[in-house]
């Protein structure tokens, strides 16, 4: 992960109070870029990672009786997983 991305992560309130030595664990993180409309995980999938959104937005929906209901919109700096 490059230094610019690490600075972005350190600006996220969840990580902002980490000391330099503690934030080294973030460097091994993986950058995932998704195209608009892509699905990160489907309802019922086991998610084994922790995701921090750095740009764009992610919509979280749930299916009820064959209808997708928007539950949340994740914005940069928010996390899920």
C-alpha atoms as a PDB file:
ATOM      1  CA  UNK A   1       0.000   0.000   0.000  1.00  0.00           C
ATOM      2  CA  UNK A   2       1.430   3.403  -0.890  1.00  0.00           C
ATOM      3  CA  UNK A   3       2.083   6.252   1.544  1.00  0.00           C
ATOM      4  CA  UNK A   4      -0.790   8.351   0.193  1.00  0.00           C
ATOM      5  CA  UNK A   5      -3.337   5.597   0.882  1.00  0.00           C
ATOM      6  CA  UNK A   6      -1.908   5.048   4.360  1.00  0.00           C
ATOM      7  CA  UNK A   7      -2.397   8.773   5.081  1.00  0.00           C
ATOM      8  CA  UNK A   8      -6.009   8.490   3.913  1.00  0.00           C
ATOM      9  CA  UNK A   9      -6.574   5.564   6.268  1.00  0.00           C
ATOM     10  CA  UNK A  10      -4.945   7.419   9.167  1.00  0.00           C
ATOM     11  CA  UNK A  11      -7.440  10.255   8.574  1.00  0.00           C
ATOM     12  CA  UNK A  12     -10.388   7.886   9.156  1.00  0.00           C
ATOM     13  CA  UNK A  13     -11.602   8.503  12.736  1.00  0.00           C
ATOM     14  CA  UNK A  14     -11.360   4.780  13.541  1.00  0.00           C
ATOM     15  CA  UNK A  15      -7.586   4.841  12.905  1.00  0.00           C
ATOM     16  CA  UNK A  16      -6.695   8.463  13.668  1.00  0.00           C
ATOM     17  CA  UNK A  17      -5.546   7.812  17.246  1.00  0.00           C
ATOM     18  CA  UNK A  18      -3.182   4.956  16.339  1.00  0.00           C
ATOM     19  CA  UNK A  19       0.474   5.545  17.111  1.00  0.00           C
ATOM     20  CA  UNK A  20       2.922   5.167  14.219  1.00  0.00           C
ATOM     21  CA  UNK A  21       3.950   1.688  15.353  1.00  0.00           C
ATOM     22  CA  UNK A  22       0.335   0.581  15.641  1.00  0.00           C
ATOM     23  CA  UNK A  23      -0.664   1.829  12.199  1.00  0.00           C
ATOM     24  CA  UNK A  24       1.963  -0.356  10.503  1.00  0.00           C
ATOM     25  CA  UNK A  25      -0.596  -3.171  10.433  1.00  0.00           C
ATOM     26  CA  UNK A  26      -2.625  -1.134   7.919  1.00  0.00           C
ATOM     27  CA  UNK A  27       0.199  -1.303   5.365  1.00  0.00           C
ATOM     28  CA  UNK A  28      -0.546  -4.963   4.622  1.00  0.00           C
ATOM     29  CA  UNK A  29      -4.111  -4.103   3.608  1.00  0.00           C
ATOM     30  CA  UNK A  30      -5.331  -4.725   0.096  1.00  0.00           C
ATOM     31  CA  UNK A  31      -6.839  -2.090  -2.192  1.00  0.00           C
ATOM     32  CA  UNK A  32     -10.018  -3.280  -3.913  1.00  0.00           C
ATOM     33  CA  UNK A  33     -11.517  -1.197  -6.717  1.00  0.00           C
ATOM     34  CA  UNK A  34     -15.043  -2.032  -7.806  1.00  0.00           C
ATOM     35  CA  UNK A  35     -16.893  -0.853 -10.889  1.00  0.00           C
ATOM     36  CA  UNK A  36     -20.220   0.955 -10.318  1.00  0.00           C
ATOM     37  CA  UNK A  37     -22.983  -1.578  -9.779  1.00  0.00           C
ATOM     38  CA  UNK A  38     -20.583  -4.334  -8.665  1.00  0.00           C
ATOM     39  CA  UNK A  39     -21.487  -6.525  -5.700  1.00  0.00           C
ATOM     40  CA  UNK A  40     -18.958  -6.866  -2.876  1.00  0.00           C
ATOM     41  CA  UNK A  41     -20.978  -9.517  -1.016  1.00  0.00           C
ATOM     42  CA  UNK A  42     -24.468 -10.920  -1.241  1.00  0.00           C
ATOM     43  CA  UNK A  43     -26.914 -11.394   1.587  1.00  0.00           C
ATOM     44  CA  UNK A  44     -25.963 -14.573   3.463  1.00  0.00           C
ATOM     45  CA  UNK A  45     -22.314 -14.569   2.268  1.00  0.00           C
ATOM     46  CA  UNK A  46     -19.632 -14.981   4.911  1.00  0.00           C
ATOM     47  CA  UNK A  47     -17.401 -11.904   4.825  1.00  0.00           C
ATOM     48  CA  UNK A  48     -13.915 -12.549   6.170  1.00  0.00           C
ATOM     49  CA  UNK A  49     -12.490  -9.064   5.701  1.00  0.00           C
ATOM     50  CA  UNK A  50     -12.891  -5.589   7.110  1.00  0.00           C
ATOM     51  CA  UNK A  51     -13.506  -2.875   4.505  1.00  0.00           C
ATOM     52  CA  UNK A  52     -12.893   0.867   4.725  1.00  0.00           C
ATOM     53  CA  UNK A  53     -14.385   2.952   1.942  1.00  0.00           C
ATOM     54  CA  UNK A  54     -11.958   5.622   0.728  1.00  0.00           C
ATOM     55  CA  UNK A  55     -13.887   7.029  -2.231  1.00  0.00           C
ATOM     56  CA  UNK A  56     -17.311   6.774  -3.814  1.00  0.00           C
ATOM     57  CA  UNK A  57     -20.250   5.217  -2.021  1.00  0.00           C
ATOM     58  CA  UNK A  58     -21.521   1.740  -1.336  1.00  0.00           C
ATOM     59  CA  UNK A  59     -25.168   0.861  -1.016  1.00  0.00           C
ATOM     60  CA  UNK A  60     -26.253  -1.836   1.414  1.00  0.00           C
ATOM     61  CA  UNK A  61     -29.562  -3.455   0.580  1.00  0.00           C
ATOM     62  CA  UNK A  62     -31.561  -6.418   1.747  1.00  0.00           C
ATOM     63  CA  UNK A  63     -34.100  -8.470  -0.178  1.00  0.00           C
ATOM     64  CA  UNK A  64     -37.623  -8.756   1.213  1.00  0.00           C
ATOM     65  CA  UNK A  65     -40.129 -10.712  -0.825  1.00  0.00           C
ATOM     66  CA  UNK A  66     -38.105 -10.283  -4.052  1.00  0.00           C
ATOM     67  CA  UNK A  67     -37.691  -6.541  -3.531  1.00  0.00           C
ATOM     68  CA  UNK A  68     -34.347  -4.879  -2.744  1.00  0.00           C
ATOM     69  CA  UNK A  69     -34.700  -2.478   0.199  1.00  0.00           C
ATOM     70  CA  UNK A  70     -31.939   0.104   0.689  1.00  0.00           C
ATOM     71  CA  UNK A  71     -30.670  -0.242   4.261  1.00  0.00           C
ATOM     72  CA  UNK A  72     -27.690   2.135   4.245  1.00  0.00           C
ATOM     73  CA  UNK A  73     -25.345   4.150   2.089  1.00  0.00           C
ATOM     74  CA  UNK A  74     -21.684   3.905   3.070  1.00  0.00           C
ATOM     75  CA  UNK A  75     -19.607   7.040   2.375  1.00  0.00           C
ATOM     76  CA  UNK A  76     -15.818   7.599   2.392  1.00  0.00           C
ATOM     77  CA  UNK A  77     -14.318   7.063   5.851  1.00  0.00           C
ATOM     78  CA  UNK A  78     -17.038   4.589   6.834  1.00  0.00           C
ATOM     79  CA  UNK A  79     -16.377   0.876   7.243  1.00  0.00           C
ATOM     80  CA  UNK A  80     -18.124  -2.464   7.092  1.00  0.00           C
ATOM     81  CA  UNK A  81     -17.374  -6.141   7.443  1.00  0.00           C
END
